[in-house]
PDB file of N, CA and C in Angstrom:
ATOM      1  N   MET A   1       0.843  -1.183   0.000  1.00  0.00           N
ATOM      2  CA  MET A   1       0.000   0.000   0.000  1.00  0.00           C
ATOM      3  C   MET A   1       0.881   1.236   0.000  1.00  0.00           C
ATOM      4  N   GLN A   2       0.373   2.249  -0.632  1.00  0.00           N
ATOM      5  CA  GLN A   2       1.105   3.502  -0.741  1.00  0.00           C
ATOM      6  C   GLN A   2       0.835   4.381   0.477  1.00  0.00           C
ATOM      7  N   ALA A   3       1.731   5.315   0.729  1.00  0.00           N
ATOM      8  CA  ALA A   3       1.518   6.294   1.783  1.00  0.00           C
ATOM      9  C   ALA A   3       0.452   7.306   1.350  1.00  0.00           C
ATOM     10  N   ASP A   4       0.252   7.409   0.047  1.00  0.00           N
ATOM     11  CA  ASP A   4      -0.729   8.331  -0.522  1.00  0.00           C
ATOM     12  C   ASP A   4      -2.114   7.685  -0.472  1.00  0.00           C
ATOM     13  N   PHE A   5      -2.950   8.166   0.441  1.00  0.00           N
ATOM     14  CA  PHE A   5      -4.269   7.569   0.630  1.00  0.00           C
ATOM     15  C   PHE A   5      -5.156   7.708  -0.607  1.00  0.00           C
ATOM     16  N   GLN A   6      -4.972   8.805  -1.369  1.00  0.00           N
ATOM     17  CA  GLN A   6      -5.758   8.977  -2.593  1.00  0.00           C
ATOM     18  C   GLN A   6      -5.383   7.922  -3.621  1.00  0.00           C
ATOM     19  N   GLU A   7      -4.111   7.591  -3.690  1.00  0.00           N
ATOM     20  CA  GLU A   7      -3.663   6.546  -4.616  1.00  0.00           C
ATOM     21  C   GLU A   7      -4.263   5.190  -4.211  1.00  0.00           C
ATOM     22  N   ASN A   8      -4.315   4.925  -2.914  1.00  0.00           N
ATOM     23  CA  ASN A   8      -4.930   3.684  -2.429  1.00  0.00           C
ATOM     24  C   ASN A   8      -6.419   3.646  -2.759  1.00  0.00           C
ATOM     25  N   PHE A   9      -7.077   4.801  -2.663  1.00  0.00           N
ATOM     26  CA  PHE A   9      -8.495   4.916  -3.007  1.00  0.00           C
ATOM     27  C   PHE A   9      -8.699   4.591  -4.488  1.00  0.00           C
ATOM     28  N   ASP A  10      -7.891   5.224  -5.332  1.00  0.00           N
ATOM     29  CA  ASP A  10      -7.991   4.990  -6.781  1.00  0.00           C
ATOM     30  C   ASP A  10      -7.720   3.522  -7.116  1.00  0.00           C
ATOM     31  N   ARG A  11      -6.773   2.941  -6.397  1.00  0.00           N
ATOM     32  CA  ARG A  11      -6.434   1.531  -6.608  1.00  0.00           C
ATOM     33  C   ARG A  11      -7.627   0.632  -6.292  1.00  0.00           C
ATOM     34  N   LEU A  12      -8.365   0.960  -5.234  1.00  0.00           N
ATOM     35  CA  LEU A  12      -9.543   0.162  -4.896  1.00  0.00           C
ATOM     36  C   LEU A  12     -10.545   0.177  -6.041  1.00  0.00           C
ATOM     37  N   ILE A  13     -10.789   1.333  -6.600  1.00  0.00           N
ATOM     38  CA  ILE A  13     -11.757   1.458  -7.692  1.00  0.00           C
ATOM     39  C   ILE A  13     -11.314   0.615  -8.894  1.00  0.00           C
ATOM     40  N   VAL A  14     -10.097   0.836  -9.359  1.00  0.00           N
ATOM     41  CA  VAL A  14      -9.614   0.190 -10.578  1.00  0.00           C
ATOM     42  C   VAL A  14      -9.449  -1.322 -10.387  1.00  0.00           C
ATOM     43  N   GLU A  15      -8.734  -1.724  -9.336  1.00  0.00           N
ATOM     44  CA  GLU A  15      -8.469  -3.153  -9.136  1.00  0.00           C
ATOM     45  C   GLU A  15      -9.743  -3.951  -8.844  1.00  0.00           C
ATOM     46  N   SER A  16     -10.636  -3.382  -8.066  1.00  0.00           N
ATOM     47  CA  SER A  16     -11.866  -4.100  -7.729  1.00  0.00           C
ATOM     48  C   SER A  16     -12.712  -4.346  -8.970  1.00  0.00           C
ATOM     49  N   LEU A  17     -12.771  -3.361  -9.839  1.00  0.00           N
ATOM     50  CA  LEU A  17     -13.522  -3.546 -11.077  1.00  0.00           C
ATOM     51  C   LEU A  17     -12.839  -4.573 -11.979  1.00  0.00           C
ATOM     52  N   GLU A  18     -11.520  -4.537 -12.034  1.00  0.00           N
ATOM     53  CA  GLU A  18     -10.786  -5.521 -12.832  1.00  0.00           C
ATOM     54  C   GLU A  18     -10.980  -6.933 -12.293  1.00  0.00           C
ATOM     55  N   ASN A  19     -10.921  -7.072 -10.959  1.00  0.00           N
ATOM     56  CA  ASN A  19     -11.010  -8.387 -10.313  1.00  0.00           C
ATOM     57  C   ASN A  19     -12.447  -8.862 -10.121  1.00  0.00           C
ATOM     58  N   GLY A  20     -13.395  -7.939 -10.206  1.00  0.00           N
ATOM     59  CA  GLY A  20     -14.796  -8.298 -10.041  1.00  0.00           C
ATOM     60  C   GLY A  20     -15.248  -8.457  -8.609  1.00  0.00           C
ATOM     61  N   CYS A  21     -14.411  -7.988  -7.652  1.00  0.00           N
ATOM     62  CA  CYS A  21     -14.799  -8.104  -6.246  1.00  0.00           C
ATOM     63  C   CYS A  21     -13.988  -7.144  -5.388  1.00  0.00           C
ATOM     64  N   VAL A  22     -14.484  -6.952  -4.175  1.00  0.00           N
ATOM     65  CA  VAL A  22     -13.721  -6.306  -3.111  1.00  0.00           C
ATOM     66  C   VAL A  22     -13.528  -7.351  -2.027  1.00  0.00           C
ATOM     67  N   TRP A  23     -12.621  -7.085  -1.107  1.00  0.00           N
ATOM     68  CA  TRP A  23     -12.313  -8.026  -0.041  1.00  0.00           C
ATOM     69  C   TRP A  23     -12.548  -7.388   1.317  1.00  0.00           C
ATOM     70  N   GLY A  24     -13.287  -8.097   2.165  1.00  0.00           N
ATOM     71  CA  GLY A  24     -13.466  -7.706   3.546  1.00  0.00           C
ATOM     72  C   GLY A  24     -12.929  -8.805   4.436  1.00  0.00           C
ATOM     73  N   LEU A  25     -13.017  -8.592   5.735  1.00  0.00           N
ATOM     74  CA  LEU A  25     -12.543  -9.582   6.702  1.00  0.00           C
ATOM     75  C   LEU A  25     -13.711 -10.043   7.555  1.00  0.00           C
ATOM     76  N   LYS A  26     -13.844 -11.370   7.665  1.00  0.00           N
ATOM     77  CA  LYS A  26     -14.964 -11.944   8.406  1.00  0.00           C
ATOM     78  C   LYS A  26     -14.442 -13.037   9.337  1.00  0.00           C
ATOM     79  N   ASP A  27     -15.063 -13.147  10.531  1.00  0.00           N
ATOM     80  CA  ASP A  27     -14.658 -14.199  11.461  1.00  0.00           C
ATOM     81  C   ASP A  27     -15.533 -15.439  11.288  1.00  0.00           C
ATOM     82  N   LYS A  28     -15.259 -16.477  12.063  1.00  0.00           N
ATOM     83  CA  LYS A  28     -15.974 -17.749  11.902  1.00  0.00           C
ATOM     84  C   LYS A  28     -17.447 -17.644  12.290  1.00  0.00           C
ATOM     85  N   ASP A  29     -17.819 -16.590  13.024  1.00  0.00           N
ATOM     86  CA  ASP A  29     -19.215 -16.369  13.405  1.00  0.00           C
ATOM     87  C   ASP A  29     -19.946 -15.458  12.421  1.00  0.00           C
ATOM     88  N   ASP A  30     -19.331 -15.217  11.261  1.00  0.00           N
ATOM     89  CA  ASP A  30     -19.888 -14.367  10.210  1.00  0.00           C
ATOM     90  C   ASP A  30     -19.975 -12.889  10.584  1.00  0.00           C
ATOM     91  N   ASN A  31     -19.115 -12.446  11.493  1.00  0.00           N
ATOM     92  CA  ASN A  31     -19.038 -11.027  11.838  1.00  0.00           C
ATOM     93  C   ASN A  31     -17.949 -10.373  10.998  1.00  0.00           C
ATOM     94  N   TRP A  32     -18.274  -9.250  10.390  1.00  0.00           N
ATOM     95  CA  TRP A  32     -17.309  -8.502   9.588  1.00  0.00           C
ATOM     96  C   TRP A  32     -16.468  -7.626  10.498  1.00  0.00           C
ATOM     97  N   ALA A  33     -15.198  -7.482  10.155  1.00  0.00           N
ATOM     98  CA  ALA A  33     -14.300  -6.600  10.899  1.00  0.00           C
ATOM     99  C   ALA A  33     -14.790  -5.168  10.755  1.00  0.00           C
ATOM    100  N   LEU A  34     -14.848  -4.476  11.874  1.00  0.00           N
ATOM    101  CA  LEU A  34     -15.174  -3.055  11.831  1.00  0.00           C
ATOM    102  C   LEU A  34     -14.470  -2.350  12.963  1.00  0.00           C
ATOM    103  N   VAL A  35     -14.282  -1.072  12.784  1.00  0.00           N
ATOM    104  CA  VAL A  35     -13.585  -0.242  13.757  1.00  0.00           C
ATOM    105  C   VAL A  35     -14.349   1.063  13.938  1.00  0.00           C
ATOM    106  N   ASP A  36     -14.004   1.770  15.001  1.00  0.00           N
ATOM    107  CA  ASP A  36     -14.588   3.095  15.217  1.00  0.00           C
ATOM    108  C   ASP A  36     -13.981   4.081  14.223  1.00  0.00           C
ATOM    109  N   SER A  37     -14.801   4.971  13.731  1.00  0.00           N
ATOM    110  CA  SER A  37     -14.324   6.004  12.821  1.00  0.00           C
ATOM    111  C   SER A  37     -13.356   6.938  13.535  1.00  0.00           C
ATOM    112  N   ASP A  38     -12.294   7.330  12.825  1.00  0.00           N
ATOM    113  CA  ASP A  38     -11.384   8.361  13.320  1.00  0.00           C
ATOM    114  C   ASP A  38     -11.929   9.751  13.009  1.00  0.00           C
ATOM    115  N   GLN A  39     -12.920   9.821  12.125  1.00  0.00           N
ATOM    116  CA  GLN A  39     -13.376  11.108  11.627  1.00  0.00           C
ATOM    117  C   GLN A  39     -14.735  11.533  12.167  1.00  0.00           C
ATOM    118  N   VAL A  40     -15.601  10.552  12.488  1.00  0.00           N
ATOM    119  CA  VAL A  40     -16.951  10.877  12.933  1.00  0.00           C
ATOM    120  C   VAL A  40     -17.244  10.089  14.201  1.00  0.00           C
ATOM    121  N   SER A  41     -17.442  10.781  15.289  1.00  0.00           N
ATOM    122  CA  SER A  41     -17.678  10.137  16.573  1.00  0.00           C
ATOM    123  C   SER A  41     -18.942   9.273  16.549  1.00  0.00           C
ATOM    124  N   GLY A  42     -18.845   8.066  17.106  1.00  0.00           N
ATOM    125  CA  GLY A  42     -20.002   7.189  17.219  1.00  0.00           C
ATOM    126  C   GLY A  42     -20.357   6.431  15.952  1.00  0.00           C
ATOM    127  N   ILE A  43     -19.505   6.496  14.928  1.00  0.00           N
ATOM    128  CA  ILE A  43     -19.772   5.827  13.653  1.00  0.00           C
ATOM    129  C   ILE A  43     -18.764   4.688  13.478  1.00  0.00           C
ATOM    130  N   ASP A  44     -19.241   3.563  12.952  1.00  0.00           N
ATOM    131  CA  ASP A  44     -18.368   2.436  12.646  1.00  0.00           C
ATOM    132  C   ASP A  44     -17.903   2.504  11.201  1.00  0.00           C
ATOM    133  N   VAL A  45     -16.774   1.844  10.941  1.00  0.00           N
ATOM    134  CA  VAL A  45     -16.202   1.756   9.601  1.00  0.00           C
ATOM    135  C   VAL A  45     -15.913   0.287   9.309  1.00  0.00           C
ATOM    136  N   ILE A  46     -16.324  -0.180   8.136  1.00  0.00           N
ATOM    137  CA  ILE A  46     -15.943  -1.507   7.667  1.00  0.00           C
ATOM    138  C   ILE A  46     -14.885  -1.312   6.588  1.00  0.00           C
ATOM    139  N   PRO A  47     -13.683  -1.851   6.807  1.00  0.00           N
ATOM    140  CA  PRO A  47     -12.635  -1.708   5.792  1.00  0.00           C
ATOM    141  C   PRO A  47     -12.768  -2.741   4.676  1.00  0.00           C
ATOM    142  N   PHE A  48     -12.428  -2.319   3.473  1.00  0.00           N
ATOM    143  CA  PHE A  48     -12.410  -3.188   2.299  1.00  0.00           C
ATOM    144  C   PHE A  48     -11.114  -2.950   1.536  1.00  0.00           C
ATOM    145  N   TRP A  49     -10.668  -4.005   0.834  1.00  0.00           N
ATOM    146  CA  TRP A  49      -9.439  -3.933   0.058  1.00  0.00           C
ATOM    147  C   TRP A  49      -9.689  -4.394  -1.359  1.00  0.00           C
ATOM    148  N   SER A  50      -8.759  -4.028  -2.241  1.00  0.00           N
ATOM    149  CA  SER A  50      -8.928  -4.326  -3.662  1.00  0.00           C
ATOM    150  C   SER A  50      -8.431  -5.708  -4.057  1.00  0.00           C
ATOM    151  N   ASN A  51      -7.714  -6.383  -3.165  1.00  0.00           N
ATOM    152  CA  ASN A  51      -7.300  -7.758  -3.473  1.00  0.00           C
ATOM    153  C   ASN A  51      -7.101  -8.555  -2.189  1.00  0.00           C
ATOM    154  N   GLN A  52      -7.041  -9.853  -2.338  1.00  0.00           N
ATOM    155  CA  GLN A  52      -6.971 -10.751  -1.186  1.00  0.00           C
ATOM    156  C   GLN A  52      -5.703 -10.537  -0.363  1.00  0.00           C
ATOM    157  N   GLN A  53      -4.578 -10.324  -1.015  1.00  0.00           N
ATOM    158  CA  GLN A  53      -3.315 -10.174  -0.302  1.00  0.00           C
ATOM    159  C   GLN A  53      -3.317  -8.943   0.609  1.00  0.00           C
ATOM    160  N   LEU A  54      -3.887  -7.848   0.131  1.00  0.00           N
ATOM    161  CA  LEU A  54      -3.949  -6.635   0.952  1.00  0.00           C
ATOM    162  C   LEU A  54      -4.834  -6.853   2.177  1.00  0.00           C
ATOM    163  N   ALA A  55      -5.937  -7.563   1.995  1.00  0.00           N
ATOM    164  CA  ALA A  55      -6.818  -7.857   3.126  1.00  0.00           C
ATOM    165  C   ALA A  55      -6.142  -8.819   4.093  1.00  0.00           C
ATOM    166  N   GLU A  56      -5.482  -9.830   3.553  1.00  0.00           N
ATOM    167  CA  GLU A  56      -4.892 -10.890   4.367  1.00  0.00           C
ATOM    168  C   GLU A  56      -3.779 -10.383   5.287  1.00  0.00           C
ATOM    169  N   MET A  57      -3.064  -9.361   4.874  1.00  0.00           N
ATOM    170  CA  MET A  57      -1.959  -8.878   5.705  1.00  0.00           C
ATOM    171  C   MET A  57      -2.452  -8.283   7.028  1.00  0.00           C
ATOM    172  N   HIS A  58      -3.750  -8.064   7.162  1.00  0.00           N
ATOM    173  CA  HIS A  58      -4.304  -7.529   8.404  1.00  0.00           C
ATOM    174  C   HIS A  58      -4.750  -8.616   9.373  1.00  0.00           C
ATOM    175  N   CYS A  59      -4.685  -9.868   8.962  1.00  0.00           N
ATOM    176  CA  CYS A  59      -5.187 -10.984   9.773  1.00  0.00           C
ATOM    177  C   CYS A  59      -4.131 -11.472  10.760  1.00  0.00           C
ATOM    178  N   THR A  60      -3.640 -10.561  11.565  1.00  0.00           N
ATOM    179  CA  THR A  60      -2.640 -10.869  12.581  1.00  0.00           C
ATOM    180  C   THR A  60      -3.073 -10.247  13.904  1.00  0.00           C
ATOM    181  N   ASP A  61      -2.387 -10.627  14.955  1.00  0.00           N
ATOM    182  CA  ASP A  61      -2.619 -10.077  16.291  1.00  0.00           C
ATOM    183  C   ASP A  61      -4.104 -10.146  16.651  1.00  0.00           C
ATOM    184  N   GLN A  62      -4.689  -9.012  17.013  1.00  0.00           N
ATOM    185  CA  GLN A  62      -6.096  -9.020  17.429  1.00  0.00           C
ATOM    186  C   GLN A  62      -7.053  -9.327  16.281  1.00  0.00           C
ATOM    187  N   TRP A  63      -6.565  -9.234  15.048  1.00  0.00           N
ATOM    188  CA  TRP A  63      -7.407  -9.534  13.888  1.00  0.00           C
ATOM    189  C   TRP A  63      -7.121 -10.918  13.309  1.00  0.00           C
ATOM    190  N   ALA A  64      -6.397 -11.730  14.065  1.00  0.00           N
ATOM    191  CA  ALA A  64      -6.101 -13.089  13.603  1.00  0.00           C
ATOM    192  C   ALA A  64      -7.362 -13.951  13.515  1.00  0.00           C
ATOM    193  N   ILE A  65      -8.447 -13.494  14.123  1.00  0.00           N
ATOM    194  CA  ILE A  65      -9.717 -14.239  14.073  1.00  0.00           C
ATOM    195  C   ILE A  65     -10.416 -14.091  12.733  1.00  0.00           C
ATOM    196  N   TYR A  66      -9.955 -13.152  11.908  1.00  0.00           N
ATOM    197  CA  TYR A  66     -10.600 -12.873  10.623  1.00  0.00           C
ATOM    198  C   TYR A  66      -9.887 -13.567   9.473  1.00  0.00           C
ATOM    199  N   GLU A  67     -10.638 -13.752   8.387  1.00  0.00           N
ATOM    200  CA  GLU A  67     -10.039 -14.204   7.134  1.00  0.00           C
ATOM    201  C   GLU A  67     -10.650 -13.407   5.993  1.00  0.00           C
ATOM    202  N   PRO A  68      -9.883 -13.215   4.911  1.00  0.00           N
ATOM    203  CA  PRO A  68     -10.387 -12.441   3.775  1.00  0.00           C
ATOM    204  C   PRO A  68     -11.552 -13.162   3.083  1.00  0.00           C
ATOM    205  N   VAL A  69     -12.559 -12.380   2.742  1.00  0.00           N
ATOM    206  CA  VAL A  69     -13.728 -12.907   2.031  1.00  0.00           C
ATOM    207  C   VAL A  69     -14.041 -11.958   0.872  1.00  0.00           C
ATOM    208  N   ALA A  70     -14.205 -12.542  -0.312  1.00  0.00           N
ATOM    209  CA  ALA A  70     -14.523 -11.741  -1.500  1.00  0.00           C
ATOM    210  C   ALA A  70     -16.013 -11.422  -1.536  1.00  0.00           C
ATOM    211  N   ILE A  71     -16.319 -10.207  -1.972  1.00  0.00           N
ATOM    212  CA  ILE A  71     -17.697  -9.775  -2.195  1.00  0.00           C
ATOM    213  C   ILE A  71     -17.776  -9.344  -3.658  1.00  0.00           C
ATOM    214  N   ALA A  72     -18.647  -9.986  -4.410  1.00  0.00           N
ATOM    215  CA  ALA A  72     -18.798  -9.670  -5.831  1.00  0.00           C
ATOM    216  C   ALA A  72     -19.173  -8.199  -6.012  1.00  0.00           C
ATOM    217  N   MET A  73     -18.638  -7.580  -7.060  1.00  0.00           N
ATOM    218  CA  MET A  73     -18.883  -6.153  -7.294  1.00  0.00           C
ATOM    219  C   MET A  73     -20.363  -5.821  -7.369  1.00  0.00           C
ATOM    220  N   GLU A  74     -21.136  -6.628  -8.075  1.00  0.00           N
ATOM    221  CA  GLU A  74     -22.568  -6.330  -8.193  1.00  0.00           C
ATOM    222  C   GLU A  74     -23.228  -6.289  -6.816  1.00  0.00           C
ATOM    223  N   GLU A  75     -22.907  -7.259  -5.975  1.00  0.00           N
ATOM    224  CA  GLU A  75     -23.470  -7.282  -4.616  1.00  0.00           C
ATOM    225  C   GLU A  75     -22.970  -6.097  -3.803  1.00  0.00           C
ATOM    226  N   PHE A  76     -21.685  -5.780  -3.928  1.00  0.00           N
ATOM    227  CA  PHE A  76     -21.112  -4.666  -3.188  1.00  0.00           C
ATOM    228  C   PHE A  76     -21.768  -3.347  -3.578  1.00  0.00           C
ATOM    229  N   LEU A  77     -21.918  -3.126  -4.875  1.00  0.00           N
ATOM    230  CA  LEU A  77     -22.484  -1.865  -5.361  1.00  0.00           C
ATOM    231  C   LEU A  77     -23.985  -1.775  -5.113  1.00  0.00           C
ATOM    232  N   ASP A  78     -24.707  -2.867  -5.343  1.00  0.00           N
ATOM    233  CA  ASP A  78     -26.169  -2.828  -5.256  1.00  0.00           C
ATOM    234  C   ASP A  78     -26.716  -3.026  -3.848  1.00  0.00           C
ATOM    235  N   ASP A  79     -26.002  -3.798  -3.033  1.00  0.00           N
ATOM    236  CA  ASP A  79     -26.520  -4.136  -1.705  1.00  0.00           C
ATOM    237  C   ASP A  79     -25.702  -3.529  -0.568  1.00  0.00           C
ATOM    238  N   TRP A  80     -24.412  -3.799  -0.571  1.00  0.00           N
ATOM    239  CA  TRP A  80     -23.558  -3.386   0.537  1.00  0.00           C
ATOM    240  C   TRP A  80     -23.531  -1.868   0.725  1.00  0.00           C
ATOM    241  N   LEU A  81     -23.192  -1.138  -0.319  1.00  0.00           N
ATOM    242  CA  LEU A  81     -23.015   0.307  -0.147  1.00  0.00           C
ATOM    243  C   LEU A  81     -24.328   0.987   0.223  1.00  0.00           C
ATOM    244  N   ILE A  82     -25.417   0.554  -0.372  1.00  0.00           N
ATOM    245  CA  ILE A  82     -26.731   1.119  -0.024  1.00  0.00           C
ATOM    246  C   ILE A  82     -27.065   0.787   1.435  1.00  0.00           C
ATOM    247  N   GLY A  83     -26.858  -0.475   1.811  1.00  0.00           N
ATOM    248  CA  GLY A  83     -27.138  -0.907   3.182  1.00  0.00           C
ATOM    249  C   GLY A  83     -26.271  -0.202   4.211  1.00  0.00           C
ATOM    250  N   MET A  84     -24.996  -0.024   3.886  1.00  0.00           N
ATOM    251  CA  MET A  84     -24.108   0.678   4.812  1.00  0.00           C
ATOM    252  C   MET A  84     -24.525   2.129   4.979  1.00  0.00           C
ATOM    253  N   HIS A  85     -24.971   2.748   3.895  1.00  0.00           N
ATOM    254  CA  HIS A  85     -25.471   4.124   3.996  1.00  0.00           C
ATOM    255  C   HIS A  85     -26.680   4.166   4.922  1.00  0.00           C
ATOM    256  N   GLU A  86     -27.609   3.240   4.726  1.00  0.00           N
ATOM    257  CA  GLU A  86     -28.821   3.206   5.555  1.00  0.00           C
ATOM    258  C   GLU A  86     -28.496   2.919   7.017  1.00  0.00           C
ATOM    259  N   ASP A  87     -27.454   2.110   7.266  1.00  0.00           N
ATOM    260  CA  ASP A  87     -27.051   1.762   8.629  1.00  0.00           C
ATOM    261  C   ASP A  87     -26.061   2.760   9.230  1.00  0.00           C
ATOM    262  N   VAL A  88     -25.726   3.806   8.493  1.00  0.00           N
ATOM    263  CA  VAL A  88     -24.774   4.841   8.906  1.00  0.00           C
ATOM    264  C   VAL A  88     -23.433   4.216   9.297  1.00  0.00           C
ATOM    265  N   ILE A  89     -22.874   3.470   8.361  1.00  0.00           N
ATOM    266  CA  ILE A  89     -21.546   2.872   8.501  1.00  0.00           C
ATOM    267  C   ILE A  89     -20.701   3.382   7.342  1.00  0.00           C
ATOM    268  N   ARG A  90     -19.479   3.783   7.655  1.00  0.00           N
ATOM    269  CA  ARG A  90     -18.580   4.303   6.618  1.00  0.00           C
ATOM    270  C   ARG A  90     -17.734   3.176   6.038  1.00  0.00           C
ATOM    271  N   VAL A  91     -17.086   3.460   4.915  1.00  0.00           N
ATOM    272  CA  VAL A  91     -16.237   2.498   4.218  1.00  0.00           C
ATOM    273  C   VAL A  91     -14.774   2.891   4.405  1.00  0.00           C
ATOM    274  N   GLY A  92     -13.973   1.934   4.865  1.00  0.00           N
ATOM    275  CA  GLY A  92     -12.525   2.109   4.909  1.00  0.00           C
ATOM    276  C   GLY A  92     -11.957   1.620   3.588  1.00  0.00           C
ATOM    277  N   VAL A  93     -11.140   2.421   2.946  1.00  0.00           N
ATOM    278  CA  VAL A  93     -10.706   2.146   1.580  1.00  0.00           C
ATOM    279  C   VAL A  93      -9.221   1.775   1.524  1.00  0.00           C
ATOM    280  N   ASN A  94      -8.942   0.482   1.233  1.00  0.00           N
ATOM    281  CA  ASN A  94      -7.566   0.007   1.049  1.00  0.00           C
ATOM    282  C   ASN A  94      -6.632   0.519   2.135  1.00  0.00           C
ATOM    283  N   TRP A  95      -7.008   0.277   3.392  1.00  0.00           N
ATOM    284  CA  TRP A  95      -6.183   0.750   4.497  1.00  0.00           C
ATOM    285  C   TRP A  95      -4.837   0.057   4.510  1.00  0.00           C
ATOM    286  N   ASN A  96      -3.836   0.771   5.000  1.00  0.00           N
ATOM    287  CA  ASN A  96      -2.496   0.221   5.091  1.00  0.00           C
ATOM    288  C   ASN A  96      -2.368  -0.696   6.314  1.00  0.00           C
ATOM    289  N   GLN A  97      -1.175  -1.199   6.548  1.00  0.00           N
ATOM    290  CA  GLN A  97      -0.916  -2.167   7.621  1.00  0.00           C
ATOM    291  C   GLN A  97      -1.274  -1.600   8.993  1.00  0.00           C
ATOM    292  N   ASP A  98      -1.208  -0.283   9.156  1.00  0.00           N
ATOM    293  CA  ASP A  98      -1.538   0.365  10.427  1.00  0.00           C
ATOM    294  C   ASP A  98      -3.007   0.747  10.519  1.00  0.00           C
ATOM    295  N   LEU A  99      -3.809   0.216   9.598  1.00  0.00           N
ATOM    296  CA  LEU A  99      -5.243   0.531   9.520  1.00  0.00           C
ATOM    297  C   LEU A  99      -5.474   2.027   9.348  1.00  0.00           C
ATOM    298  N   GLU A 100      -4.644   2.630   8.518  1.00  0.00           N
ATOM    299  CA  GLU A 100      -4.784   4.039   8.187  1.00  0.00           C
ATOM    300  C   GLU A 100      -5.186   4.165   6.731  1.00  0.00           C
ATOM    301  N   GLY A 101      -6.017   5.140   6.451  1.00  0.00           N
ATOM    302  CA  GLY A 101      -6.449   5.399   5.087  1.00  0.00           C
ATOM    303  C   GLY A 101      -7.730   6.193   5.079  1.00  0.00           C
ATOM    304  N   GLN A 102      -8.305   6.316   3.912  1.00  0.00           N
ATOM    305  CA  GLN A 102      -9.527   7.100   3.777  1.00  0.00           C
ATOM    306  C   GLN A 102     -10.736   6.364   4.325  1.00  0.00           C
ATOM    307  N   GLU A 103     -11.622   7.143   4.910  1.00  0.00           N
ATOM    308  CA  GLU A 103     -12.965   6.700   5.283  1.00  0.00           C
ATOM    309  C   GLU A 103     -13.921   7.503   4.417  1.00  0.00           C
ATOM    310  N   VAL A 104     -14.854   6.825   3.776  1.00  0.00           N
ATOM    311  CA  VAL A 104     -15.782   7.552   2.913  1.00  0.00           C
ATOM    312  C   VAL A 104     -17.214   7.124   3.186  1.00  0.00           C
ATOM    313  N   GLU A 105     -18.122   8.007   2.859  1.00  0.00           N
ATOM    314  CA  GLU A 105     -19.546   7.707   2.930  1.00  0.00           C
ATOM    315  C   GLU A 105     -19.847   6.710   1.812  1.00  0.00           C
ATOM    316  N   PRO A 106     -20.604   5.674   2.092  1.00  0.00           N
ATOM    317  CA  PRO A 106     -20.853   4.647   1.077  1.00  0.00           C
ATOM    318  C   PRO A 106     -21.399   5.168  -0.250  1.00  0.00           C
ATOM    319  N   LEU A 107     -22.295   6.137  -0.218  1.00  0.00           N
ATOM    320  CA  LEU A 107     -22.853   6.631  -1.479  1.00  0.00           C
ATOM    321  C   LEU A 107     -21.817   7.424  -2.285  1.00  0.00           C
ATOM    322  N   ASP A 108     -20.848   8.036  -1.585  1.00  0.00           N
ATOM    323  CA  ASP A 108     -19.762   8.722  -2.297  1.00  0.00           C
ATOM    324  C   ASP A 108     -18.898   7.697  -3.028  1.00  0.00           C
ATOM    325  N   LEU A 109     -18.633   6.554  -2.369  1.00  0.00           N
ATOM    326  CA  LEU A 109     -17.857   5.507  -3.023  1.00  0.00           C
ATOM    327  C   LEU A 109     -18.638   4.918  -4.193  1.00  0.00           C
ATOM    328  N   LEU A 110     -19.925   4.727  -4.020  1.00  0.00           N
ATOM    329  CA  LEU A 110     -20.769   4.227  -5.102  1.00  0.00           C
ATOM    330  C   LEU A 110     -20.693   5.155  -6.312  1.00  0.00           C
ATOM    331  N   ALA A 111     -20.747   6.452  -6.076  1.00  0.00           N
ATOM    332  CA  ALA A 111     -20.657   7.428  -7.171  1.00  0.00           C
ATOM    333  C   ALA A 111     -19.312   7.332  -7.884  1.00  0.00           C
ATOM    334  N   GLU A 112     -18.227   7.089  -7.145  1.00  0.00           N
ATOM    335  CA  GLU A 112     -16.903   6.932  -7.752  1.00  0.00           C
ATOM    336  C   GLU A 112     -16.862   5.690  -8.653  1.00  0.00           C
ATOM    337  N   PHE A 113     -17.438   4.575  -8.173  1.00  0.00           N
ATOM    338  CA  PHE A 113     -17.489   3.370  -8.992  1.00  0.00           C
ATOM    339  C   PHE A 113     -18.329   3.600 -10.247  1.00  0.00           C
ATOM    340  N   GLU A 114     -19.462   4.266 -10.093  1.00  0.00           N
ATOM    341  CA  GLU A 114     -20.338   4.512 -11.240  1.00  0.00           C
ATOM    342  C   GLU A 114     -19.665   5.421 -12.260  1.00  0.00           C
ATOM    343  N   ALA A 115     -18.898   6.407 -11.778  1.00  0.00           N
ATOM    344  CA  ALA A 115     -18.171   7.302 -12.683  1.00  0.00           C
ATOM    345  C   ALA A 115     -17.117   6.513 -13.466  1.00  0.00           C
ATOM    346  N   GLU A 116     -16.438   5.603 -12.791  1.00  0.00           N
ATOM    347  CA  GLU A 116     -15.423   4.790 -13.467  1.00  0.00           C
ATOM    348  C   GLU A 116     -16.044   3.848 -14.485  1.00  0.00           C
ATOM    349  N   LEU A 117     -17.237   3.342 -14.166  1.00  0.00           N
ATOM    350  CA  LEU A 117     -17.928   2.442 -15.088  1.00  0.00           C
ATOM    351  C   LEU A 117     -18.478   3.188 -16.296  1.00  0.00           C
ATOM    352  N   GLY A 118     -18.642   4.508 -16.131  1.00  0.00           N
ATOM    353  CA  GLY A 118     -19.088   5.346 -17.234  1.00  0.00           C
ATOM    354  C   GLY A 118     -20.512   5.115 -17.579  1.00  0.00           C
TER     355      GLY A 118
END
């Protein structure tokens, strides 16, 4: 991952569309990894990555209970982002090893994907 969070954001858009999926982290009880927002008090963030390897590097220490799970782009765009907006959950975009990176409103990310799809 790059130190440039905007580059990581752009990478999520391009790579996810190329690969046909995004990657999240889920535990054996079907709970998705989430953290408190650094930007908005009282809001949760679910991080997603553009490929399995980027997601997998976070499955250590306290996150060793998680494993990378692919979410098909159609499901992510049509169901996940809309649902996260309704549930007031933000999206973590291609966070680095220190869980740092952009947090975005789900509908803003949806608009970015739609713009890329043209």
